[in-house]
Amino acid sequence: MEKPCLSNPDQFPDDEVLSGCLGKAKAAWDSFLSVLVEGSPAFAAEWRYYRDGKSWLYKVTKTADLRAIRTLIDIKEQLK
């Protein structure tokens, strides 16, 4: 059985490591990231090593829309 990629906590998954793990699929990964994260400021992403799963994972989260939050705060202030 092949050892899973991205399981070494000391080896950050940079482009070289990802190319070795993904092979030909690396181009699809790059396109996915371009559309998801770089194309939309509503998403933030980071690599994190999870000790419980003994693997690096790419965590993508939706960021809060600060304009909407500020608007809600302004409305709340006006209602006082």
PDB file of N, CA and C in Angstrom:
ATOM      1  N   MET A   1       0.845  -1.182   0.000  1.00  0.00           N
ATOM      2  CA  MET A   1       0.000   0.000   0.000  1.00  0.00           C
ATOM      3  C   MET A   1       0.888   1.243   0.000  1.00  0.00           C
ATOM      4  N   GLU A   2       0.524   2.205  -0.805  1.00  0.00           N
ATOM      5  CA  GLU A   2       1.293   3.437  -0.941  1.00  0.00           C
ATOM      6  C   GLU A   2       1.065   4.344   0.265  1.00  0.00           C
ATOM      7  N   LYS A   3       2.143   4.956   0.760  1.00  0.00           N
ATOM      8  CA  LYS A   3       2.037   5.895   1.882  1.00  0.00           C
ATOM      9  C   LYS A   3       1.325   7.161   1.388  1.00  0.00           C
ATOM     10  N   PRO A   4       0.352   7.656   2.154  1.00  0.00           N
ATOM     11  CA  PRO A   4      -0.376   8.849   1.722  1.00  0.00           C
ATOM     12  C   PRO A   4       0.542  10.075   1.606  1.00  0.00           C
ATOM     13  N   CYS A   5       0.236  10.907   0.640  1.00  0.00           N
ATOM     14  CA  CYS A   5       0.953  12.179   0.503  1.00  0.00           C
ATOM     15  C   CYS A   5       0.494  13.131   1.600  1.00  0.00           C
ATOM     16  N   LEU A   6       1.289  14.146   1.828  1.00  0.00           N
ATOM     17  CA  LEU A   6       0.958  15.226   2.758  1.00  0.00           C
ATOM     18  C   LEU A   6       0.799  14.744   4.201  1.00  0.00           C
ATOM     19  N   SER A   7       1.551  13.722   4.571  1.00  0.00           N
ATOM     20  CA  SER A   7       1.442  13.219   5.936  1.00  0.00           C
ATOM     21  C   SER A   7       2.617  13.618   6.823  1.00  0.00           C
ATOM     22  N   ASN A   8       3.621  14.268   6.248  1.00  0.00           N
ATOM     23  CA  ASN A   8       4.793  14.693   7.016  1.00  0.00           C
ATOM     24  C   ASN A   8       4.555  16.093   7.573  1.00  0.00           C
ATOM     25  N   PRO A   9       4.478  16.238   8.893  1.00  0.00           N
ATOM     26  CA  PRO A   9       4.192  17.555   9.466  1.00  0.00           C
ATOM     27  C   PRO A   9       5.305  18.582   9.222  1.00  0.00           C
ATOM     28  N   ASP A  10       6.498  18.109   8.909  1.00  0.00           N
ATOM     29  CA  ASP A  10       7.629  19.012   8.674  1.00  0.00           C
ATOM     30  C   ASP A  10       7.763  19.431   7.212  1.00  0.00           C
ATOM     31  N   GLN A  11       6.933  18.896   6.338  1.00  0.00           N
ATOM     32  CA  GLN A  11       7.028  19.195   4.912  1.00  0.00           C
ATOM     33  C   GLN A  11       5.776  19.957   4.471  1.00  0.00           C
ATOM     34  N   PHE A  12       5.896  21.289   4.436  1.00  0.00           N
ATOM     35  CA  PHE A  12       4.770  22.128   4.035  1.00  0.00           C
ATOM     36  C   PHE A  12       4.389  21.821   2.586  1.00  0.00           C
ATOM     37  N   PRO A  13       3.109  21.715   2.287  1.00  0.00           N
ATOM     38  CA  PRO A  13       2.672  21.377   0.929  1.00  0.00           C
ATOM     39  C   PRO A  13       2.798  22.558  -0.052  1.00  0.00           C
ATOM     40  N   ASP A  14       4.019  22.844  -0.457  1.00  0.00           N
ATOM     41  CA  ASP A  14       4.244  23.904  -1.438  1.00  0.00           C
ATOM     42  C   ASP A  14       4.016  23.339  -2.851  1.00  0.00           C
ATOM     43  N   ASP A  15       4.273  24.156  -3.872  1.00  0.00           N
ATOM     44  CA  ASP A  15       4.014  23.734  -5.254  1.00  0.00           C
ATOM     45  C   ASP A  15       4.790  22.475  -5.631  1.00  0.00           C
ATOM     46  N   GLU A  16       6.029  22.375  -5.192  1.00  0.00           N
ATOM     47  CA  GLU A  16       6.845  21.208  -5.531  1.00  0.00           C
ATOM     48  C   GLU A  16       6.271  19.929  -4.915  1.00  0.00           C
ATOM     49  N   VAL A  17       5.897  20.000  -3.654  1.00  0.00           N
ATOM     50  CA  VAL A  17       5.320  18.841  -2.966  1.00  0.00           C
ATOM     51  C   VAL A  17       3.990  18.456  -3.598  1.00  0.00           C
ATOM     52  N   LEU A  18       3.154  19.462  -3.869  1.00  0.00           N
ATOM     53  CA  LEU A  18       1.855  19.180  -4.482  1.00  0.00           C
ATOM     54  C   LEU A  18       2.003  18.575  -5.871  1.00  0.00           C
ATOM     55  N   SER A  19       2.963  19.051  -6.636  1.00  0.00           N
ATOM     56  CA  SER A  19       3.205  18.487  -7.969  1.00  0.00           C
ATOM     57  C   SER A  19       3.588  17.011  -7.863  1.00  0.00           C
ATOM     58  N   GLY A  20       4.402  16.679  -6.885  1.00  0.00           N
ATOM     59  CA  GLY A  20       4.788  15.289  -6.685  1.00  0.00           C
ATOM     60  C   GLY A  20       3.622  14.399  -6.288  1.00  0.00           C
ATOM     61  N   CYS A  21       2.713  14.947  -5.496  1.00  0.00           N
ATOM     62  CA  CYS A  21       1.553  14.172  -5.043  1.00  0.00           C
ATOM     63  C   CYS A  21       0.463  14.082  -6.105  1.00  0.00           C
ATOM     64  N   LEU A  22       0.218  15.176  -6.786  1.00  0.00           N
ATOM     65  CA  LEU A  22      -0.912  15.234  -7.712  1.00  0.00           C
ATOM     66  C   LEU A  22      -0.575  14.845  -9.143  1.00  0.00           C
ATOM     67  N   GLY A  23       0.676  14.980  -9.509  1.00  0.00           N
ATOM     68  CA  GLY A  23       1.067  14.643 -10.879  1.00  0.00           C
ATOM     69  C   GLY A  23       0.340  15.513 -11.899  1.00  0.00           C
ATOM     70  N   LYS A  24      -0.297  14.876 -12.878  1.00  0.00           N
ATOM     71  CA  LYS A  24      -1.006  15.602 -13.943  1.00  0.00           C
ATOM     72  C   LYS A  24      -2.201  16.399 -13.413  1.00  0.00           C
ATOM     73  N   ALA A  25      -2.733  15.994 -12.282  1.00  0.00           N
ATOM     74  CA  ALA A  25      -3.902  16.673 -11.715  1.00  0.00           C
ATOM     75  C   ALA A  25      -3.543  18.019 -11.087  1.00  0.00           C
ATOM     76  N   LYS A  26      -2.259  18.350 -10.985  1.00  0.00           N
ATOM     77  CA  LYS A  26      -1.838  19.624 -10.373  1.00  0.00           C
ATOM     78  C   LYS A  26      -2.423  20.814 -11.120  1.00  0.00           C
ATOM     79  N   ALA A  27      -2.521  20.724 -12.451  1.00  0.00           N
ATOM     80  CA  ALA A  27      -3.101  21.828 -13.232  1.00  0.00           C
ATOM     81  C   ALA A  27      -4.568  22.051 -12.854  1.00  0.00           C
ATOM     82  N   ALA A  28      -5.295  20.982 -12.626  1.00  0.00           N
ATOM     83  CA  ALA A  28      -6.701  21.104 -12.209  1.00  0.00           C
ATOM     84  C   ALA A  28      -6.792  21.729 -10.818  1.00  0.00           C
ATOM     85  N   TRP A  29      -5.874  21.344  -9.927  1.00  0.00           N
ATOM     86  CA  TRP A  29      -5.824  21.926  -8.580  1.00  0.00           C
ATOM     87  C   TRP A  29      -5.592  23.431  -8.656  1.00  0.00           C
ATOM     88  N   ASP A  30      -4.634  23.833  -9.485  1.00  0.00           N
ATOM     89  CA  ASP A  30      -4.330  25.256  -9.635  1.00  0.00           C
ATOM     90  C   ASP A  30      -5.529  26.028 -10.183  1.00  0.00           C
ATOM     91  N   SER A  31      -6.234  25.445 -11.139  1.00  0.00           N
ATOM     92  CA  SER A  31      -7.425  26.089 -11.696  1.00  0.00           C
ATOM     93  C   SER A  31      -8.516  26.215 -10.643  1.00  0.00           C
ATOM     94  N   PHE A  32      -8.691  25.165  -9.864  1.00  0.00           N
ATOM     95  CA  PHE A  32      -9.679  25.180  -8.787  1.00  0.00           C
ATOM     96  C   PHE A  32      -9.390  26.304  -7.796  1.00  0.00           C
ATOM     97  N   LEU A  33      -8.125  26.421  -7.388  1.00  0.00           N
ATOM     98  CA  LEU A  33      -7.754  27.480  -6.442  1.00  0.00           C
ATOM     99  C   LEU A  33      -7.962  28.858  -7.039  1.00  0.00           C
ATOM    100  N   SER A  34      -7.645  28.998  -8.302  1.00  0.00           N
ATOM    101  CA  SER A  34      -7.803  30.280  -8.968  1.00  0.00           C
ATOM    102  C   SER A  34      -9.260  30.725  -8.946  1.00  0.00           C
ATOM    103  N   VAL A  35     -10.148  29.818  -9.233  1.00  0.00           N
ATOM    104  CA  VAL A  35     -11.574  30.149  -9.265  1.00  0.00           C
ATOM    105  C   VAL A  35     -12.121  30.354  -7.858  1.00  0.00           C
ATOM    106  N   LEU A  36     -11.790  29.456  -6.961  1.00  0.00           N
ATOM    107  CA  LEU A  36     -12.373  29.485  -5.624  1.00  0.00           C
ATOM    108  C   LEU A  36     -11.856  30.612  -4.747  1.00  0.00           C
ATOM    109  N   VAL A  37     -10.569  30.672  -4.569  1.00  0.00           N
ATOM    110  CA  VAL A  37     -10.001  31.594  -3.590  1.00  0.00           C
ATOM    111  C   VAL A  37      -9.600  32.924  -4.213  1.00  0.00           C
ATOM    112  N   GLU A  38      -8.814  32.873  -5.288  1.00  0.00           N
ATOM    113  CA  GLU A  38      -8.316  34.108  -5.874  1.00  0.00           C
ATOM    114  C   GLU A  38      -9.416  34.878  -6.591  1.00  0.00           C
ATOM    115  N   GLY A  39     -10.418  34.173  -7.099  1.00  0.00           N
ATOM    116  CA  GLY A  39     -11.495  34.825  -7.831  1.00  0.00           C
ATOM    117  C   GLY A  39     -12.597  35.369  -6.948  1.00  0.00           C
ATOM    118  N   SER A  40     -12.592  35.029  -5.668  1.00  0.00           N
ATOM    119  CA  SER A  40     -13.649  35.475  -4.775  1.00  0.00           C
ATOM    120  C   SER A  40     -13.062  35.902  -3.439  1.00  0.00           C
ATOM    121  N   PRO A  41     -13.158  37.185  -3.120  1.00  0.00           N
ATOM    122  CA  PRO A  41     -12.637  37.641  -1.828  1.00  0.00           C
ATOM    123  C   PRO A  41     -13.469  37.146  -0.649  1.00  0.00           C
ATOM    124  N   ALA A  42     -14.578  36.472  -0.924  1.00  0.00           N
ATOM    125  CA  ALA A  42     -15.421  35.961   0.152  1.00  0.00           C
ATOM    126  C   ALA A  42     -14.843  34.702   0.780  1.00  0.00           C
ATOM    127  N   PHE A  43     -13.760  34.163   0.200  1.00  0.00           N
ATOM    128  CA  PHE A  43     -13.148  32.949   0.724  1.00  0.00           C
ATOM    129  C   PHE A  43     -11.705  33.201   1.146  1.00  0.00           C
ATOM    130  N   ALA A  44     -11.322  32.554   2.226  1.00  0.00           N
ATOM    131  CA  ALA A  44      -9.933  32.569   2.681  1.00  0.00           C
ATOM    132  C   ALA A  44      -9.494  31.120   2.816  1.00  0.00           C
ATOM    133  N   ALA A  45      -8.222  30.875   2.540  1.00  0.00           N
ATOM    134  CA  ALA A  45      -7.754  29.491   2.595  1.00  0.00           C
ATOM    135  C   ALA A  45      -6.358  29.416   3.192  1.00  0.00           C
ATOM    136  N   GLU A  46      -6.071  28.293   3.808  1.00  0.00           N
ATOM    137  CA  GLU A  46      -4.752  28.076   4.393  1.00  0.00           C
ATOM    138  C   GLU A  46      -4.512  26.583   4.551  1.00  0.00           C
ATOM    139  N   TRP A  47      -3.236  26.208   4.466  1.00  0.00           N
ATOM    140  CA  TRP A  47      -2.841  24.833   4.747  1.00  0.00           C
ATOM    141  C   TRP A  47      -2.685  24.680   6.257  1.00  0.00           C
ATOM    142  N   ARG A  48      -3.217  23.575   6.802  1.00  0.00           N
ATOM    143  CA  ARG A  48      -3.082  23.287   8.228  1.00  0.00           C
ATOM    144  C   ARG A  48      -2.754  21.805   8.392  1.00  0.00           C
ATOM    145  N   TYR A  49      -1.868  21.526   9.330  1.00  0.00           N
ATOM    146  CA  TYR A  49      -1.568  20.129   9.640  1.00  0.00           C
ATOM    147  C   TYR A  49      -2.436  19.709  10.820  1.00  0.00           C
ATOM    148  N   TYR A  50      -3.168  18.624  10.632  1.00  0.00           N
ATOM    149  CA  TYR A  50      -4.039  18.104  11.678  1.00  0.00           C
ATOM    150  C   TYR A  50      -3.409  16.837  12.258  1.00  0.00           C
ATOM    151  N   ARG A  51      -3.040  16.917  13.518  1.00  0.00           N
ATOM    152  CA  ARG A  51      -2.357  15.789  14.158  1.00  0.00           C
ATOM    153  C   ARG A  51      -3.280  14.581  14.330  1.00  0.00           C
ATOM    154  N   ASP A  52      -4.567  14.819  14.547  1.00  0.00           N
ATOM    155  CA  ASP A  52      -5.474  13.689  14.731  1.00  0.00           C
ATOM    156  C   ASP A  52      -5.597  12.846  13.458  1.00  0.00           C
ATOM    157  N   GLY A  53      -5.563  13.488  12.301  1.00  0.00           N
ATOM    158  CA  GLY A  53      -5.632  12.766  11.040  1.00  0.00           C
ATOM    159  C   GLY A  53      -4.267  12.522  10.419  1.00  0.00           C
ATOM    160  N   LYS A  54      -3.239  13.082  11.051  1.00  0.00           N
ATOM    161  CA  LYS A  54      -1.854  12.952  10.597  1.00  0.00           C
ATOM    162  C   LYS A  54      -1.704  13.329   9.122  1.00  0.00           C
ATOM    163  N   SER A  55      -2.255  14.502   8.787  1.00  0.00           N
ATOM    164  CA  SER A  55      -2.209  14.927   7.389  1.00  0.00           C
ATOM    165  C   SER A  55      -2.409  16.432   7.270  1.00  0.00           C
ATOM    166  N   TRP A  56      -1.849  16.979   6.178  1.00  0.00           N
ATOM    167  CA  TRP A  56      -2.095  18.368   5.827  1.00  0.00           C
ATOM    168  C   TRP A  56      -3.440  18.443   5.115  1.00  0.00           C
ATOM    169  N   LEU A  57      -4.231  19.453   5.435  1.00  0.00           N
ATOM    170  CA  LEU A  57      -5.498  19.697   4.752  1.00  0.00           C
ATOM    171  C   LEU A  57      -5.556  21.165   4.368  1.00  0.00           C
ATOM    172  N   TYR A  58      -6.214  21.438   3.263  1.00  0.00           N
ATOM    173  CA  TYR A  58      -6.375  22.806   2.791  1.00  0.00           C
ATOM    174  C   TYR A  58      -7.723  23.295   3.284  1.00  0.00           C
ATOM    175  N   LYS A  59      -7.703  24.183   4.246  1.00  0.00           N
ATOM    176  CA  LYS A  59      -8.925  24.668   4.873  1.00  0.00           C
ATOM    177  C   LYS A  59      -9.405  25.929   4.159  1.00  0.00           C
ATOM    178  N   VAL A  60     -10.644  25.878   3.671  1.00  0.00           N
ATOM    179  CA  VAL A  60     -11.254  27.026   2.997  1.00  0.00           C
ATOM    180  C   VAL A  60     -12.437  27.466   3.837  1.00  0.00           C
ATOM    181  N   THR A  61     -12.465  28.747   4.168  1.00  0.00           N
ATOM    182  CA  THR A  61     -13.575  29.287   4.949  1.00  0.00           C
ATOM    183  C   THR A  61     -14.150  30.502   4.241  1.00  0.00           C
ATOM    184  N   LYS A  62     -15.409  30.709   4.471  1.00  0.00           N
ATOM    185  CA  LYS A  62     -16.063  31.890   3.922  1.00  0.00           C
ATOM    186  C   LYS A  62     -15.870  33.023   4.916  1.00  0.00           C
ATOM    187  N   THR A  63     -15.348  34.136   4.420  1.00  0.00           N
ATOM    188  CA  THR A  63     -15.115  35.282   5.302  1.00  0.00           C
ATOM    189  C   THR A  63     -16.388  36.104   5.426  1.00  0.00           C
ATOM    190  N   ALA A  64     -16.503  36.797   6.509  1.00  0.00           N
ATOM    191  CA  ALA A  64     -17.678  37.637   6.732  1.00  0.00           C
ATOM    192  C   ALA A  64     -17.633  38.848   5.816  1.00  0.00           C
ATOM    193  N   ASP A  65     -18.772  39.250   5.376  1.00  0.00           N
ATOM    194  CA  ASP A  65     -18.874  40.458   4.572  1.00  0.00           C
ATOM    195  C   ASP A  65     -18.915  41.636   5.540  1.00  0.00           C
ATOM    196  N   LEU A  66     -17.799  42.338   5.655  1.00  0.00           N
ATOM    197  CA  LEU A  66     -17.686  43.412   6.638  1.00  0.00           C
ATOM    198  C   LEU A  66     -18.677  44.547   6.387  1.00  0.00           C
ATOM    199  N   ARG A  67     -19.021  44.780   5.121  1.00  0.00           N
ATOM    200  CA  ARG A  67     -20.002  45.836   4.836  1.00  0.00           C
ATOM    201  C   ARG A  67     -21.352  45.493   5.448  1.00  0.00           C
ATOM    202  N   ALA A  68     -21.751  44.224   5.361  1.00  0.00           N
ATOM    203  CA  ALA A  68     -23.033  43.809   5.927  1.00  0.00           C
ATOM    204  C   ALA A  68     -23.009  43.934   7.446  1.00  0.00           C
ATOM    205  N   ILE A  69     -21.904  43.561   8.053  1.00  0.00           N
ATOM    206  CA  ILE A  69     -21.792  43.661   9.505  1.00  0.00           C
ATOM    207  C   ILE A  69     -21.842  45.128   9.944  1.00  0.00           C
ATOM    208  N   ARG A  70     -21.128  45.991   9.236  1.00  0.00           N
ATOM    209  CA  ARG A  70     -21.144  47.416   9.580  1.00  0.00           C
ATOM    210  C   ARG A  70     -22.540  48.000   9.417  1.00  0.00           C
ATOM    211  N   THR A  71     -23.251  47.584   8.385  1.00  0.00           N
ATOM    212  CA  THR A  71     -24.608  48.070   8.157  1.00  0.00           C
ATOM    213  C   THR A  71     -25.512  47.657   9.309  1.00  0.00           C
ATOM    214  N   LEU A  72     -25.395  46.409   9.748  1.00  0.00           N
ATOM    215  CA  LEU A  72     -26.210  45.948  10.875  1.00  0.00           C
ATOM    216  C   LEU A  72     -25.891  46.726  12.146  1.00  0.00           C
ATOM    217  N   ILE A  73     -24.638  47.015  12.376  1.00  0.00           N
ATOM    218  CA  ILE A  73     -24.249  47.795  13.553  1.00  0.00           C
ATOM    219  C   ILE A  73     -24.831  49.203  13.459  1.00  0.00           C
ATOM    220  N   ASP A  74     -24.746  49.820  12.269  1.00  0.00           N
ATOM    221  CA  ASP A  74     -25.302  51.163  12.081  1.00  0.00           C
ATOM    222  C   ASP A  74     -26.809  51.177  12.326  1.00  0.00           C
ATOM    223  N   ILE A  75     -27.521  50.180  11.822  1.00  0.00           N
ATOM    224  CA  ILE A  75     -28.973  50.109  12.017  1.00  0.00           C
ATOM    225  C   ILE A  75     -29.290  49.949  13.496  1.00  0.00           C
ATOM    226  N   LYS A  76     -28.526  49.102  14.178  1.00  0.00           N
ATOM    227  CA  LYS A  76     -28.750  48.891  15.608  1.00  0.00           C
ATOM    228  C   LYS A  76     -28.530  50.183  16.374  1.00  0.00           C
ATOM    229  N   GLU A  77     -27.515  50.955  16.018  1.00  0.00           N
ATOM    230  CA  GLU A  77     -27.235  52.228  16.678  1.00  0.00           C
ATOM    231  C   GLU A  77     -28.364  53.230  16.430  1.00  0.00           C
ATOM    232  N   GLN A  78     -28.923  53.226  15.231  1.00  0.00           N
ATOM    233  CA  GLN A  78     -29.987  54.161  14.893  1.00  0.00           C
ATOM    234  C   GLN A  78     -31.287  53.831  15.628  1.00  0.00           C
ATOM    235  N   LEU A  79     -31.474  52.568  15.979  1.00  0.00           N
ATOM    236  CA  LEU A  79     -32.694  52.155  16.661  1.00  0.00           C
ATOM    237  C   LEU A  79     -32.676  52.465  18.150  1.00  0.00           C
ATOM    238  N   LYS A  80     -31.535  52.835  18.682  1.00  0.00           N
ATOM    239  CA  LYS A  80     -31.440  53.142  20.117  1.00  0.00           C
ATOM    240  C   LYS A  80     -32.144  54.415  20.451  1.00  0.00           C
TER     241      LYS A  80
END
